[in-house]
């Protein structure tokens, strides 16, 4: 029987006033002198509450502002600040890049997984506890044991995997509710892929890229629950986010976006949806507006389902869900109004060369002579079919009553 592995954060805390309990939660896990890495926007919405909680629990601490990009230099700067200050934890407070930086600066070692063979980095950070406080629920990155490193021009230079997941993830849904609603919706787009990618990896026996092992039944159940929550609570959560109210919809969807999606992708695996997300970056100038990671993943998920030839009735349900919350289902909705067949072939070729797409039923375990793990023309046709399906489905709010 194949080896199965399940990884997860040591502690997950969520609620509309969770930040006020930061000091108490740190005390439980034995953190006594944290360094807080904060983005500018995060300091405005979390700094005062976090400081009060730390002072109330007699926890000496220091703040350092995030430089804006997760680069090698920024990781080293935060690492040195942590060591010189005698801190025993790095608390990253902000969006994905802030969290990626703090996670790397806290780690003892890392593996650069975007190289073949992977390159081991024996010393990368301060070897202290990693704690993440996401201020948006736009991705599932805060629960994982990985970071992406970029240069100052925003080009990715490394994908890092760390030995352990964060010691704690703390999510204040009051803060999440005050963020732009589009960010929560983007998180739903990222989370939407979780079950479908984990399921296809299970069916094809493809190990998780992060654990190197098969998924457990727990991971598959988590991934399925993630999808179930989105379909049941996604529209309500969107309306609550538009009103800035942390109601039951936001509570449910935040858990799906941050915790369940994170556990699902890391333990279940990735596939075509994320391969396509990466390939969309090959035509950045064709987008009329910037799209978030989850918005691109959502369209990639729909395309993956088309590639899998899913049941038309079920496929329509997923399209309708995306339309109801505002995730893109057509090229026009992605602001690719002038996209050409050559652009689509560029995307298809890029996705076909992503190693994670080999988990698809028609994927190849080894790249062909052109470096492809999948037939690029099939992807090209699926992209066009996805756009056509998206255009054919009436928006739920415009659907006539029967």
Protein backbone atom coordinates (compact mmCIF):
# COMPACT_ATOMS: atom_id res chain seq x y z
CA UNK A 1 0.00 0.00 0.00
CA UNK A 2 1.17 3.54 -0.75
CA UNK A 3 2.36 5.87 1.97
CA UNK A 4 -0.17 8.52 3.00
CA UNK A 5 0.69 11.80 4.75
CA UNK A 6 -1.47 14.54 6.27
CA UNK A 7 0.06 17.87 7.34
CA UNK A 8 -1.60 20.85 9.05
CA UNK A 9 -0.96 23.92 11.23
CA UNK A 10 -0.55 23.21 14.94
CA UNK A 11 -3.41 25.58 15.86
CA UNK A 12 -6.17 27.37 13.91
CA UNK A 13 -8.15 30.22 15.52
CA UNK A 14 -11.04 32.05 13.82
CA UNK A 15 -13.73 34.48 14.93
CA UNK A 16 -15.04 38.05 14.66
CA UNK A 17 -12.82 39.27 17.51
CA UNK A 18 -9.99 36.73 17.33
CA UNK A 19 -7.25 39.35 17.19
CA UNK A 20 -8.06 40.54 20.70
CA UNK A 21 -7.15 37.05 21.90
CA UNK A 22 -3.71 37.04 20.27
CA UNK A 23 -1.80 37.25 23.54
CA UNK A 24 -3.75 34.43 25.17
CA UNK A 25 -3.30 32.20 22.15
CA UNK A 26 0.45 32.87 21.99
CA UNK A 27 0.75 32.00 25.65
CA UNK A 28 -0.93 28.63 25.02
CA UNK A 29 1.67 27.64 22.41
CA UNK A 30 4.60 28.96 24.45
CA UNK A 31 5.53 32.08 22.47
CA UNK A 32 6.92 34.81 24.71
CA UNK A 33 8.70 37.42 22.57
CA UNK A 34 7.25 37.72 19.04
CA UNK A 35 8.33 39.89 16.13
CA UNK A 36 5.37 41.18 14.11
CA UNK A 37 5.94 41.61 10.38
CA UNK A 38 3.11 43.84 9.14
CA UNK A 39 2.09 45.35 5.82
CA UNK A 40 1.08 49.01 5.82
CA UNK A 41 -2.60 48.22 5.40
CA UNK A 42 -2.47 45.49 8.07
CA UNK A 43 -0.93 47.82 10.64
CA UNK A 44 -3.88 50.20 10.25
CA UNK A 45 -6.52 47.54 10.88
CA UNK A 46 -4.71 45.23 13.34
CA UNK A 47 -1.84 47.09 15.01
CA UNK A 48 -3.74 48.69 17.89
CA UNK A 49 -5.76 45.60 18.81
CA UNK A 50 -2.75 43.28 18.57
CA UNK A 51 -0.59 45.60 20.68
CA UNK A 52 -3.22 45.86 23.40
CA UNK A 53 -3.60 42.08 23.56
CA UNK A 54 0.16 41.54 23.77
CA UNK A 55 0.56 44.17 26.48
CA UNK A 56 -2.35 42.75 28.46
CA UNK A 57 -0.55 39.40 28.52
CA UNK A 58 2.87 40.92 29.34
CA UNK A 59 4.44 39.76 26.07
CA UNK A 60 7.40 41.91 24.94
CA UNK A 61 7.29 42.37 21.18
CA UNK A 62 8.45 44.48 18.25
CA UNK A 63 7.04 45.51 14.87
CA UNK A 64 8.82 45.63 11.52
CA UNK A 65 7.17 46.88 8.33
CA UNK A 66 6.96 44.61 5.30
CA UNK A 67 8.97 45.90 2.36
CA UNK A 68 6.32 45.13 -0.23
CA UNK A 69 7.75 42.07 -2.01
CA UNK A 70 8.84 38.62 -0.90
CA UNK A 71 12.46 38.73 -2.06
CA UNK A 72 15.60 37.01 -0.81
CA UNK A 73 16.81 40.34 0.60
CA UNK A 74 13.54 40.94 2.47
CA UNK A 75 13.60 37.42 3.92
CA UNK A 76 17.16 37.98 5.12
CA UNK A 77 16.29 41.39 6.60
CA UNK A 78 13.40 39.97 8.61
CA UNK A 79 15.53 37.01 9.70
CA UNK A 80 18.28 39.31 11.00
CA UNK A 81 15.74 41.55 12.75
CA UNK A 82 14.31 38.49 14.48
CA UNK A 83 17.67 37.16 15.61
CA UNK A 84 19.02 40.52 16.80
CA UNK A 85 15.85 41.17 18.78
CA UNK A 86 15.97 37.79 20.49
CA UNK A 87 12.48 36.89 19.25
CA UNK A 88 11.04 33.39 19.48
CA UNK A 89 8.39 33.77 16.77
CA UNK A 90 7.58 35.75 13.64
CA UNK A 91 3.95 36.81 13.31
CA UNK A 92 3.14 37.73 9.70
CA UNK A 93 0.15 40.02 9.45
CA UNK A 94 -1.19 40.99 6.04
CA UNK A 95 -1.66 39.45 2.60
CA UNK A 96 0.03 36.57 0.84
CA UNK A 97 3.40 38.17 0.17
CA UNK A 98 3.78 39.32 3.77
CA UNK A 99 2.95 35.83 4.98
CA UNK A 100 5.32 34.19 2.48
CA UNK A 101 8.16 36.43 3.69
CA UNK A 102 7.57 35.82 7.38
CA UNK A 103 7.20 32.09 6.87
CA UNK A 104 10.57 31.87 5.10
CA UNK A 105 12.27 34.15 7.63
CA UNK A 106 11.00 31.96 10.48
CA UNK A 107 11.93 28.60 8.96
CA UNK A 108 15.04 26.61 9.80
CA UNK A 109 15.53 25.11 6.34
CA UNK A 110 13.79 24.85 2.99
CA UNK A 111 13.68 22.92 -0.26
CA UNK A 112 13.55 24.81 -3.56
CA UNK A 113 10.97 22.68 -5.32
CA UNK A 114 10.91 24.57 -8.62
CA UNK A 115 14.33 23.10 -9.43
CA UNK A 116 14.96 19.58 -10.71
CA UNK A 117 16.20 17.89 -8.72
CA UNK A 118 14.95 19.99 -5.77
CA UNK A 119 17.66 22.02 -4.03
CA UNK A 120 17.99 21.79 -0.23
CA UNK A 121 18.70 25.06 1.62
CA UNK A 122 20.07 24.06 5.06
CA UNK A 123 19.73 27.49 6.67
CA UNK A 124 17.22 30.05 5.48
CA UNK A 125 15.53 31.65 8.48
CA UNK A 126 15.77 32.20 12.21
CA UNK A 127 14.38 28.76 13.17
CA UNK A 128 11.53 30.18 15.25
CA UNK A 129 7.77 29.63 15.40
CA UNK A 130 5.78 30.82 12.36
CA UNK A 131 2.41 32.46 13.05
CA UNK A 132 0.17 33.88 10.35
CA UNK A 133 -2.60 36.46 10.65
CA UNK A 134 -4.17 36.91 7.20
CA UNK A 135 -6.11 40.16 6.82
CA UNK A 136 -7.90 38.96 3.69
CA UNK A 137 -9.38 35.56 2.80
CA UNK A 138 -8.22 35.77 -0.80
CA UNK A 139 -6.05 32.64 -0.76
CA UNK A 140 -5.34 29.54 1.30
CA UNK A 141 -1.62 30.32 1.63
CA UNK A 142 -1.56 31.09 5.35
CA UNK A 143 -2.03 27.46 6.44
CA UNK A 144 0.62 25.97 4.17
CA UNK A 145 4.32 25.15 4.50
CA UNK A 146 5.45 26.90 1.33
CA UNK A 147 6.43 30.34 0.02
CA UNK A 148 7.02 31.94 -3.36
CA UNK A 149 10.05 34.22 -3.71
CA UNK A 150 10.13 37.02 -6.30
CA UNK A 151 12.61 39.60 -7.53
CA UNK A 152 11.94 43.34 -7.30
CA UNK A 153 10.33 43.25 -10.75
CA UNK A 154 7.73 40.77 -9.49
CA UNK A 155 9.08 37.75 -11.39
CA UNK A 156 9.02 34.50 -9.42
CA UNK A 157 12.48 33.16 -8.62
CA UNK A 158 11.80 30.26 -6.25
CA UNK A 159 9.09 28.04 -4.80
CA UNK A 160 10.09 26.98 -1.30
CA UNK A 161 8.76 24.13 0.83
CA UNK A 162 9.42 24.03 4.58
CA UNK A 163 9.60 21.08 7.00
CA UNK A 164 6.58 22.11 9.07
CA UNK A 165 3.36 24.08 8.78
CA UNK A 166 2.73 27.24 10.84
CA UNK A 167 2.49 26.94 14.60
CA UNK A 168 -0.70 28.99 14.48
CA UNK A 169 -3.05 30.67 12.01
CA UNK A 170 -5.31 33.34 13.52
CA UNK A 171 -8.12 34.78 11.41
CA UNK A 172 -10.23 37.69 12.65
CA UNK A 173 -13.40 37.57 10.56
CA UNK A 174 -14.23 41.12 11.59
CA UNK A 175 -11.10 42.19 9.71
CA UNK A 176 -11.95 39.88 6.79
CA UNK A 177 -15.44 41.41 6.53
CA UNK A 178 -14.02 44.95 6.25
CA UNK A 179 -11.77 44.02 3.31
CA UNK A 180 -13.06 44.49 -0.25
CA UNK A 181 -15.67 41.85 -1.09
CA UNK A 182 -13.82 40.98 -4.30
CA UNK A 183 -10.95 39.56 -2.24
CA UNK A 184 -13.26 37.11 -0.43
CA UNK A 185 -14.72 36.11 -3.78
CA UNK A 186 -11.22 35.59 -5.19
CA UNK A 187 -10.55 33.29 -2.24
CA UNK A 188 -13.62 31.30 -3.21
CA UNK A 189 -12.14 30.94 -6.69
CA UNK A 190 -8.95 29.49 -5.22
CA UNK A 191 -10.93 27.23 -2.88
CA UNK A 192 -13.21 26.07 -5.70
CA UNK A 193 -10.32 24.14 -7.25
CA UNK A 194 -9.51 22.25 -4.06
CA UNK A 195 -11.89 19.31 -4.32
CA UNK A 196 -11.59 18.89 -8.09
CA UNK A 197 -7.80 18.87 -8.03
CA UNK A 198 -7.59 16.59 -4.98
CA UNK A 199 -10.17 14.25 -6.52
CA UNK A 200 -8.33 13.92 -9.82
CA UNK A 201 -5.05 13.28 -8.00
CA UNK A 202 -6.77 10.52 -6.01
CA UNK A 203 -8.25 8.94 -9.12
CA UNK A 204 -4.95 8.93 -11.00
CA UNK A 205 -2.83 8.00 -7.97
CA UNK A 206 -0.73 11.17 -8.25
CA UNK A 207 1.09 12.08 -5.01
CA UNK A 208 0.61 15.52 -3.51
CA UNK A 209 3.31 17.88 -4.76
CA UNK A 210 3.76 19.13 -1.19
CA UNK A 211 3.86 15.90 0.82
CA UNK A 212 5.20 13.56 -1.86
CA UNK A 213 2.61 10.98 -0.75
CA UNK A 214 -0.94 9.85 -1.44
CA UNK A 215 -3.80 11.72 0.20
CA UNK A 216 -5.64 10.41 3.23
CA UNK A 217 -9.40 9.93 3.40
CA UNK A 218 -9.33 12.90 5.79
CA UNK A 219 -7.82 15.11 3.11
CA UNK A 220 -10.40 14.05 0.55
CA UNK A 221 -13.23 14.67 3.01
CA UNK A 222 -11.83 18.11 3.86
CA UNK A 223 -11.63 18.97 0.16
CA UNK A 224 -15.22 17.85 -0.44
CA UNK A 225 -16.46 19.86 2.56
CA UNK A 226 -14.66 22.91 1.16
CA UNK A 227 -16.70 22.67 -2.06
CA UNK A 228 -19.92 22.02 -0.16
CA UNK A 229 -19.48 25.15 1.96
CA UNK A 230 -18.82 27.32 -1.08
CA UNK A 231 -21.91 26.12 -2.90
CA UNK A 232 -24.14 26.49 0.17
CA UNK A 233 -22.80 29.72 1.67
CA UNK A 234 -20.88 31.50 -1.10
CA UNK A 235 -23.61 33.88 -2.24
CA UNK A 236 -24.60 34.78 1.32
CA UNK A 237 -20.95 35.43 2.21
CA UNK A 238 -20.59 37.69 -0.81
CA UNK A 239 -23.57 39.78 0.28
CA UNK A 240 -22.24 39.98 3.85
CA UNK A 241 -18.83 41.08 2.57
CA UNK A 242 -20.44 43.77 0.43
CA UNK A 243 -22.14 45.02 3.62
CA UNK A 244 -18.99 44.64 5.72
CA UNK A 245 -20.77 42.32 8.17
CA UNK A 246 -19.05 39.19 9.58
CA UNK A 247 -22.15 37.00 9.52
CA UNK A 248 -22.50 33.22 9.29
CA UNK A 249 -21.78 33.23 5.56
CA UNK A 250 -18.41 34.90 6.01
CA UNK A 251 -17.61 32.63 8.95
CA UNK A 252 -18.27 29.53 6.83
CA UNK A 253 -16.56 30.73 3.67
CA UNK A 254 -13.51 32.08 5.51
CA UNK A 255 -13.02 28.64 7.00
CA UNK A 256 -13.35 27.13 3.53
CA UNK A 257 -11.04 29.67 1.85
CA UNK A 258 -8.30 29.67 4.47
CA UNK A 259 -8.35 26.39 6.40
CA UNK A 260 -10.11 23.73 4.32
CA UNK A 261 -8.69 24.84 0.99
CA UNK A 262 -5.20 25.04 2.49
CA UNK A 263 -5.42 21.55 3.99
CA UNK A 264 -7.02 20.23 0.82
CA UNK A 265 -4.50 21.49 -1.72
CA UNK A 266 -1.45 20.64 0.37
CA UNK A 267 -2.57 17.12 1.26
CA UNK A 268 -4.70 16.35 -1.80
CA UNK A 269 -2.65 17.76 -4.65
CA UNK A 270 -2.87 20.20 -7.54
CA UNK A 271 -3.82 19.76 -11.18
CA UNK A 272 -4.96 21.57 -14.32
CA UNK A 273 -6.72 24.46 -12.55
CA UNK A 274 -3.49 25.76 -11.03
CA UNK A 275 -1.44 24.83 -14.10
CA UNK A 276 -3.71 27.11 -16.11
CA UNK A 277 -3.49 29.88 -13.49
CA UNK A 278 0.27 29.91 -13.90
CA UNK A 279 -0.01 29.90 -17.69
CA UNK A 280 -2.28 32.96 -17.74
CA UNK A 281 0.73 34.95 -16.52
CA UNK A 282 2.37 34.31 -19.90
CA UNK A 283 0.08 36.95 -21.46
CA UNK A 284 -0.04 39.65 -18.75
CA UNK A 285 -0.48 42.53 -21.18
CA UNK A 286 -3.63 41.04 -22.67
CA UNK A 287 -5.65 41.58 -19.48
CA UNK A 288 -7.34 44.96 -19.31
CA UNK A 289 -7.37 44.85 -15.50
CA UNK A 290 -5.37 42.93 -12.91
CA UNK A 291 -6.96 39.64 -11.85
CA UNK A 292 -6.32 38.00 -8.50
CA UNK A 293 -4.89 34.51 -8.18
CA UNK A 294 -8.25 33.00 -7.23
CA UNK A 295 -10.06 34.62 -10.15
CA UNK A 296 -7.63 32.99 -12.55
CA UNK A 297 -7.87 29.68 -10.69
CA UNK A 298 -11.67 29.77 -10.98
CA UNK A 299 -11.54 29.92 -14.78
CA UNK A 300 -8.83 27.26 -14.69
CA UNK A 301 -11.14 25.04 -12.62
CA UNK A 302 -13.97 25.41 -15.11
CA UNK A 303 -11.56 24.51 -17.91
CA UNK A 304 -10.34 21.47 -15.96
CA UNK A 305 -13.93 20.27 -15.60
CA UNK A 306 -14.42 20.70 -19.35
CA UNK A 307 -11.24 18.69 -19.98
CA UNK A 308 -12.61 15.97 -17.70
CA UNK A 309 -15.89 15.94 -19.65
CA UNK A 310 -17.91 16.30 -16.46
CA UNK A 311 -21.66 15.75 -16.40
CA UNK A 312 -23.31 18.74 -18.17
CA UNK A 313 -25.85 19.30 -15.40
CA UNK A 314 -23.16 19.38 -12.71
CA UNK A 315 -20.92 21.53 -14.88
CA UNK A 316 -23.73 24.06 -15.31
CA UNK A 317 -24.18 24.18 -11.53
CA UNK A 318 -20.54 25.15 -11.04
CA UNK A 319 -20.76 27.78 -13.79
CA UNK A 320 -23.87 29.22 -12.16
CA UNK A 321 -22.18 29.35 -8.79
CA UNK A 322 -19.27 31.29 -10.26
CA UNK A 323 -21.62 33.75 -11.94
CA UNK A 324 -23.65 34.23 -8.75
CA UNK A 325 -20.65 35.34 -6.67
CA UNK A 326 -18.82 37.20 -9.43
CA UNK A 327 -16.08 34.79 -10.50
CA UNK A 328 -15.15 34.93 -14.21
CA UNK A 329 -16.66 32.35 -16.56
CA UNK A 330 -15.84 33.98 -19.91
CA UNK A 331 -12.87 35.69 -21.53
CA UNK A 332 -14.79 38.96 -21.39
CA UNK A 333 -15.34 38.62 -17.65
CA UNK A 334 -11.58 38.01 -17.31
CA UNK A 335 -11.07 41.29 -19.25
CA UNK A 336 -9.50 39.32 -22.10
CA UNK A 337 -11.80 41.05 -24.59
CA UNK A 338 -9.23 41.04 -27.40
CA UNK A 339 -7.72 37.63 -26.75
CA UNK A 340 -6.59 35.78 -29.87
CA UNK A 341 -6.16 32.12 -30.72
CA UNK A 342 -2.42 32.65 -30.54
CA UNK A 343 -2.79 33.98 -27.00
CA UNK A 344 -4.85 30.95 -26.06
CA UNK A 345 -2.30 28.61 -27.62
CA UNK A 346 0.40 30.32 -25.53
CA UNK A 347 -1.66 29.66 -22.39
CA UNK A 348 -2.38 26.08 -23.44
CA UNK A 349 1.27 25.38 -24.21
CA UNK A 350 2.37 26.84 -20.87
CA UNK A 351 -0.18 24.79 -18.94
CA UNK A 352 0.78 21.62 -20.80
CA UNK A 353 4.37 22.04 -19.56
CA UNK A 354 3.42 22.45 -15.90
CA UNK A 355 4.37 19.33 -13.96
CA UNK A 356 1.18 19.45 -11.89
CA UNK A 357 -1.04 18.85 -14.92
CA UNK A 358 0.32 15.31 -15.23
CA UNK A 359 -2.20 14.34 -12.52
CA UNK A 360 -5.00 14.62 -15.10
CA UNK A 361 -6.39 11.35 -16.52
CA UNK A 362 -4.87 12.08 -19.93
CA UNK A 363 -1.64 13.43 -18.46
CA UNK A 364 1.81 11.96 -19.06
CA UNK A 365 4.06 10.95 -16.16
CA UNK A 366 7.07 12.11 -18.19
CA UNK A 367 7.31 15.14 -20.47
CA UNK A 368 7.43 14.52 -24.21
CA UNK A 369 10.16 15.82 -26.50
CA UNK A 370 8.58 19.29 -26.33
CA UNK A 371 8.43 19.34 -22.53
CA UNK A 372 4.66 18.77 -22.42
CA UNK A 373 2.84 16.60 -19.87
CA UNK A 374 -0.51 17.05 -21.63
CA UNK A 375 -1.83 17.60 -25.13
CA UNK A 376 -1.72 21.37 -25.58
CA UNK A 377 -4.33 21.38 -28.35
CA UNK A 378 -6.85 19.71 -26.03
CA UNK A 379 -6.27 22.51 -23.53
CA UNK A 380 -6.65 25.11 -26.27
CA UNK A 381 -10.01 23.65 -27.29
CA UNK A 382 -11.13 23.38 -23.68
CA UNK A 383 -10.36 27.06 -23.07
CA UNK A 384 -12.57 28.05 -25.98
CA UNK A 385 -15.31 25.65 -24.89
CA UNK A 386 -15.25 27.08 -21.36
CA UNK A 387 -15.73 30.60 -22.69
CA UNK A 388 -18.59 29.43 -24.92
CA UNK A 389 -20.32 27.70 -21.99
CA UNK A 390 -19.89 30.77 -19.82
CA UNK A 391 -21.52 32.94 -22.48
CA UNK A 392 -24.42 30.51 -22.93
CA UNK A 393 -25.52 30.48 -19.29
CA UNK A 394 -27.85 33.23 -18.16
CA UNK A 395 -26.78 34.99 -14.98
CA UNK A 396 -28.85 33.63 -12.05
CA UNK A 397 -30.18 37.07 -11.19
CA UNK A 398 -31.36 37.55 -14.77
CA UNK A 399 -32.98 34.14 -15.10
CA UNK A 400 -36.70 34.41 -15.83
CA UNK A 401 -39.18 32.93 -13.36
CA UNK A 402 -40.89 29.74 -14.45
